[in-house]
C-alpha cells in the first residue's frame, strides 16, 4: 500500500501547501481520503484524477471537502465527455451542505458526477483490493477516522480529532498512523484537535509502527512538532509535506 500526501495544512493552505488530502493506492486501486482546497491540482501531478476509484470525506469542514467542486467540474466537463459516476462516501448530512450553494442545475450535475453514500461507523467498504472502515472520533459531529486495510497492512487516518478512547481504538496496531497535529503545544486542550505531542502519545499507546503528522496549522514550527512527537512516540516521526510518498509494508 502506498500513501501520497496531497495536502498537509489545517484550515487554510500555507505557501506551496494544500488542505487535507491523502491518496492511498494498492495495485490498480486509488482512493482519496479528504479533498480540501488545492488537493485536485496536486493530485493531477501524481495521477489522472478521473481515474480515482473512490473519495472519502471525513467530516463537514470546508478544508476537507472544498475541492469536490473542482473534481465535479473535471468529471462532468471533460473534453471527451462526462466520466462515469465516482463513488463518494461522506459523513451523514454533508451532501445537503455541499449542494446548498449550487443552482438547481448545479445540484443535478454534482449528483451526476458522484455516486453518494453515507459513511457508517464500523461498516467496511470494499474498493478494489482495499477495505475502508470508518470510526467515529471526537471533533465536529460527526467526524470519522478511516482505517484502510490491504490484507494485513493497516493505515489509520485520524482525520480531525482530540486525543481520546475513540481514536485510540481505531489506531490500534496501525502499520502507519496518519495523525492530525493541528495545535501548537501551548494550545493543548483548547480545541478538539491534537498537538504533535498528543499524536506521538496516540501512536505509542496504540502500538503503531510508523507515525506521520499531518493537518498542521500553517504557521506551526514543523521541526518542533517533529521533536515533540518523537519524544512521545519514542521513534522517528515524519512531518507530512506535499508529495511525500510512504510505501507501507508489514514491518
Protein backbone atom coordinates (compact mmCIF):
# COMPACT_ATOMS: atom_id res chain seq x y z
CA UNK A 1 0.00 0.00 0.00
CA UNK A 2 1.27 3.46 -0.89
CA UNK A 3 0.34 6.79 0.73
CA UNK A 4 0.94 10.09 -1.08
CA UNK A 5 0.40 13.34 0.80
CA UNK A 6 -1.50 15.86 -1.33
CA UNK A 7 -2.42 18.35 1.39
CA UNK A 8 -0.93 18.69 4.87
CA UNK A 9 -2.30 22.04 6.03
CA UNK A 10 -5.04 22.80 8.55
CA UNK A 11 -7.89 25.24 7.80
CA UNK A 12 -6.05 27.23 5.14
CA UNK A 13 -3.17 26.39 2.86
CA UNK A 14 0.23 27.84 3.62
CA UNK A 15 2.64 28.75 0.79
CA UNK A 16 3.08 25.75 -1.51
CA UNK A 17 0.63 23.69 0.51
CA UNK A 18 -2.91 22.38 0.19
CA UNK A 19 -5.50 21.44 2.79
CA UNK A 20 -6.45 17.91 3.82
CA UNK A 21 -5.98 15.30 1.12
CA UNK A 22 -4.23 11.93 1.08
CA UNK A 23 -4.04 9.43 -1.77
CA UNK A 24 -3.90 5.73 -0.92
CA UNK A 25 -3.08 3.21 -3.65
CA UNK A 26 -2.72 -0.54 -3.91
CA UNK A 27 -2.26 -2.23 -7.26
CA UNK A 28 -4.67 -0.54 -9.66
CA UNK A 29 -6.89 0.87 -6.89
CA UNK A 30 -6.72 4.56 -5.89
CA UNK A 31 -8.77 6.21 -3.16
CA UNK A 32 -8.68 9.78 -1.88
CA UNK A 33 -9.05 10.49 1.83
CA UNK A 34 -10.47 14.03 2.08
CA UNK A 35 -10.44 16.61 -0.68
CA UNK A 36 -9.59 20.04 0.72
CA UNK A 37 -8.71 23.16 -1.23
CA UNK A 38 -5.75 22.65 -3.55
CA UNK A 39 -5.84 18.85 -3.47
CA UNK A 40 -7.03 18.21 -7.02
CA UNK A 41 -4.27 20.34 -8.55
CA UNK A 42 -1.74 18.31 -6.58
CA UNK A 43 -3.45 15.03 -7.44
CA UNK A 44 -3.05 15.89 -11.12
CA UNK A 45 0.73 15.80 -10.66
CA UNK A 46 0.52 12.22 -9.38
CA UNK A 47 -2.22 10.58 -11.46
CA UNK A 48 -5.19 11.38 -13.69
CA UNK A 49 -7.87 12.49 -11.18
CA UNK A 50 -10.59 10.90 -13.29
CA UNK A 51 -9.03 7.51 -12.61
CA UNK A 52 -9.85 7.61 -8.90
CA UNK A 53 -11.94 4.72 -7.64
CA UNK A 54 -13.48 6.44 -4.61
CA UNK A 55 -13.32 9.54 -2.42
CA UNK A 56 -13.93 9.55 1.33
CA UNK A 57 -14.79 12.79 3.19
CA UNK A 58 -14.33 12.52 6.94
CA UNK A 59 -16.44 15.47 8.10
CA UNK A 60 -18.16 18.68 7.18
CA UNK A 61 -15.41 21.30 7.48
CA UNK A 62 -14.56 23.13 4.28
CA UNK A 63 -10.83 22.39 4.37
CA UNK A 64 -11.74 18.71 3.98
CA UNK A 65 -14.18 18.91 1.06
CA UNK A 66 -13.78 22.22 -0.84
CA UNK A 67 -12.14 20.66 -3.89
CA UNK A 68 -15.09 18.35 -4.51
CA UNK A 69 -16.47 21.20 -6.59
CA UNK A 70 -13.27 21.19 -8.63
CA UNK A 71 -13.39 17.42 -9.02
CA UNK A 72 -17.03 17.61 -10.10
CA UNK A 73 -16.14 20.04 -12.89
CA UNK A 74 -13.28 17.78 -14.00
CA UNK A 75 -15.57 14.76 -14.16
CA UNK A 76 -18.53 16.47 -15.81
CA UNK A 77 -16.89 18.80 -18.32
CA UNK A 78 -14.00 16.73 -19.71
CA UNK A 79 -13.49 17.36 -23.46
CA UNK A 80 -14.16 13.68 -24.11
CA UNK A 81 -17.50 13.84 -22.35
CA UNK A 82 -18.67 13.17 -18.79
CA UNK A 83 -16.95 10.44 -16.83
CA UNK A 84 -18.85 7.69 -15.07
CA UNK A 85 -20.07 8.44 -11.57
CA UNK A 86 -17.33 8.33 -8.94
CA UNK A 87 -18.07 6.74 -5.57
CA UNK A 88 -18.19 9.45 -2.88
CA UNK A 89 -18.57 8.43 0.76
CA UNK A 90 -19.50 11.27 3.10
CA UNK A 91 -20.29 11.95 6.71
CA UNK A 92 -24.10 11.77 7.10
CA UNK A 93 -25.89 15.02 6.27
CA UNK A 94 -22.90 16.54 4.49
CA UNK A 95 -24.29 16.19 0.98
CA UNK A 96 -27.01 18.76 1.76
CA UNK A 97 -24.37 21.27 2.89
CA UNK A 98 -22.27 20.65 -0.23
CA UNK A 99 -25.24 21.11 -2.55
CA UNK A 100 -26.58 24.21 -0.78
CA UNK A 101 -24.51 26.85 -2.70
CA UNK A 102 -25.33 25.32 -6.09
CA UNK A 103 -28.09 26.18 -8.52
CA UNK A 104 -30.72 23.59 -9.33
CA UNK A 105 -28.76 22.62 -12.44
CA UNK A 106 -25.52 22.55 -10.45
CA UNK A 107 -27.03 20.20 -7.90
CA UNK A 108 -28.19 17.84 -10.64
CA UNK A 109 -24.77 17.86 -12.28
CA UNK A 110 -22.99 17.24 -8.98
CA UNK A 111 -25.16 14.17 -8.38
CA UNK A 112 -24.50 13.03 -11.95
CA UNK A 113 -20.75 13.15 -11.24
CA UNK A 114 -20.82 11.24 -7.94
CA UNK A 115 -22.47 8.14 -6.52
CA UNK A 116 -23.05 9.39 -2.97
CA UNK A 117 -23.26 7.14 0.08
CA UNK A 118 -23.09 7.87 3.81
CA UNK A 119 -20.24 6.71 5.97
CA UNK A 120 -21.47 4.34 8.70
CA UNK A 121 -19.31 3.66 11.74
CA UNK A 122 -17.99 0.11 11.64
CA UNK A 123 -19.33 -0.58 8.13
CA UNK A 124 -16.46 -1.62 5.84
CA UNK A 125 -16.49 -0.51 2.20
CA UNK A 126 -14.53 -2.59 -0.31
CA UNK A 127 -12.80 -0.63 -3.07
CA UNK A 128 -10.74 -2.87 -5.30
CA UNK A 129 -8.24 -4.57 -3.01
CA UNK A 130 -8.70 -2.03 -0.22
CA UNK A 131 -11.09 -2.22 2.72
CA UNK A 132 -12.04 1.14 4.28
CA UNK A 133 -13.74 1.21 7.68
CA UNK A 134 -14.94 4.47 9.26
CA UNK A 135 -14.88 5.01 13.02
CA UNK A 136 -16.36 7.93 14.93
CA UNK A 137 -13.87 10.26 16.63
CA UNK A 138 -14.16 13.39 18.77
CA UNK A 139 -14.32 16.55 16.63
CA UNK A 140 -17.30 18.00 14.78
CA UNK A 141 -20.44 15.86 14.88
CA UNK A 142 -19.99 13.52 13.09
CA UNK A 143 -16.33 13.03 12.19
CA UNK A 144 -14.84 9.72 11.11
CA UNK A 145 -11.33 8.35 11.27
CA UNK A 146 -10.65 5.95 8.42
CA UNK A 147 -8.94 2.58 8.73
CA UNK A 148 -7.64 1.43 5.34
CA UNK A 149 -6.60 -2.22 5.11
CA UNK A 150 -4.74 -4.01 2.33
CA UNK A 151 -4.70 -7.58 3.58
CA UNK A 152 -2.75 -7.42 6.86
CA UNK A 153 -1.46 -3.89 6.22
CA UNK A 154 -3.30 -1.21 8.20
CA UNK A 155 -3.23 2.56 7.63
CA UNK A 156 -5.18 4.67 10.11
CA UNK A 157 -6.04 8.26 9.17
CA UNK A 158 -7.30 10.02 12.29
CA UNK A 159 -9.00 12.87 10.42
CA UNK A 160 -9.56 15.75 12.88
CA UNK A 161 -9.94 14.69 16.50
CA UNK A 162 -8.89 15.28 20.04
CA UNK A 163 -6.98 12.53 21.82
CA UNK A 164 -9.32 10.00 23.39
CA UNK A 165 -10.60 6.45 23.53
CA UNK A 166 -12.33 6.58 20.16
CA UNK A 167 -9.27 7.41 18.10
CA UNK A 168 -7.12 5.11 20.26
CA UNK A 169 -9.34 2.16 19.33
CA UNK A 170 -9.18 2.69 15.58
CA UNK A 171 -5.43 3.45 15.62
CA UNK A 172 -4.54 0.22 17.44
CA UNK A 173 -1.89 -1.79 15.62
CA UNK A 174 -1.59 0.53 12.62
CA UNK A 175 1.38 -0.07 10.35
CA UNK A 176 1.21 3.65 9.59
CA UNK A 177 -0.70 6.19 11.67
CA UNK A 178 -1.51 9.37 9.75
CA UNK A 179 -2.38 11.67 12.61
CA UNK A 180 -3.53 15.25 12.78
CA UNK A 181 -1.31 17.62 14.78
CA UNK A 182 -3.12 20.91 14.39
CA UNK A 183 -2.35 22.65 17.65
CA UNK A 184 0.89 24.16 18.95
CA UNK A 185 1.71 22.74 22.37
CA UNK A 186 0.63 25.90 24.20
CA UNK A 187 -2.91 25.46 22.83
CA UNK A 188 -3.32 21.86 24.01
CA UNK A 189 -6.90 21.17 25.08
CA UNK A 190 -8.31 24.43 23.74
CA UNK A 191 -9.91 22.88 20.64
CA UNK A 192 -10.96 19.37 19.54
CA UNK A 193 -7.61 18.74 17.86
CA UNK A 194 -4.29 17.17 18.85
CA UNK A 195 -0.86 18.63 19.41
CA UNK A 196 2.18 16.88 17.95
CA UNK A 197 2.99 15.51 21.39
CA UNK A 198 -0.51 14.07 21.73
CA UNK A 199 -0.22 12.49 18.28
CA UNK A 200 3.02 10.87 19.47
CA UNK A 201 1.29 9.63 22.60
CA UNK A 202 -1.51 8.18 20.48
CA UNK A 203 0.97 6.35 18.25
CA UNK A 204 2.88 4.96 21.22
CA UNK A 205 -0.16 3.77 23.15
CA UNK A 206 -1.83 2.35 20.02
CA UNK A 207 1.27 0.36 19.12
CA UNK A 208 1.64 1.98 15.69
CA UNK A 209 4.78 1.12 13.75
CA UNK A 210 5.16 4.47 11.97
CA UNK A 211 3.79 7.97 12.63
CA UNK A 212 3.20 10.69 10.06
CA UNK A 213 1.92 14.07 11.27
CA UNK A 214 -0.48 15.96 9.04
CA UNK A 215 -3.09 18.77 9.24
CA UNK A 216 -0.67 21.21 10.87
CA UNK A 217 -1.57 24.85 11.25
CA UNK A 218 0.47 26.61 8.53
CA UNK A 219 2.44 28.76 10.97
CA UNK A 220 3.38 25.85 13.27
CA UNK A 221 7.09 25.16 13.63
CA UNK A 222 7.32 21.77 11.95
CA UNK A 223 10.74 20.94 13.35
CA UNK A 224 9.42 21.48 16.87
CA UNK A 225 6.37 19.37 16.05
CA UNK A 226 8.60 16.54 14.88
CA UNK A 227 10.72 16.71 18.05
CA UNK A 228 7.69 16.79 20.34
CA UNK A 229 6.02 13.83 18.62
CA UNK A 230 9.25 11.84 18.51
CA UNK A 231 9.77 12.35 22.27
CA UNK A 232 6.30 10.96 22.99
CA UNK A 233 6.39 8.16 20.39
CA UNK A 234 9.91 7.01 21.15
CA UNK A 235 10.78 6.59 17.49
CA UNK A 236 11.35 8.77 14.45
CA UNK A 237 8.36 10.76 13.24
CA UNK A 238 7.72 12.16 9.76
CA UNK A 239 6.01 15.53 9.31
CA UNK A 240 3.95 15.39 6.13
CA UNK A 241 4.93 17.61 3.24
CA UNK A 242 3.06 17.77 -0.05
CA UNK A 243 4.07 14.91 -2.40
CA UNK A 244 5.73 12.84 0.32
CA UNK A 245 5.33 9.14 -0.51
CA UNK A 246 5.23 6.30 2.02
CA UNK A 247 5.29 2.65 0.97
CA UNK A 248 3.63 0.74 3.79
CA UNK A 249 4.65 -2.82 4.49
CA UNK A 250 4.30 -5.23 7.40
CA UNK A 251 7.44 -4.08 9.23
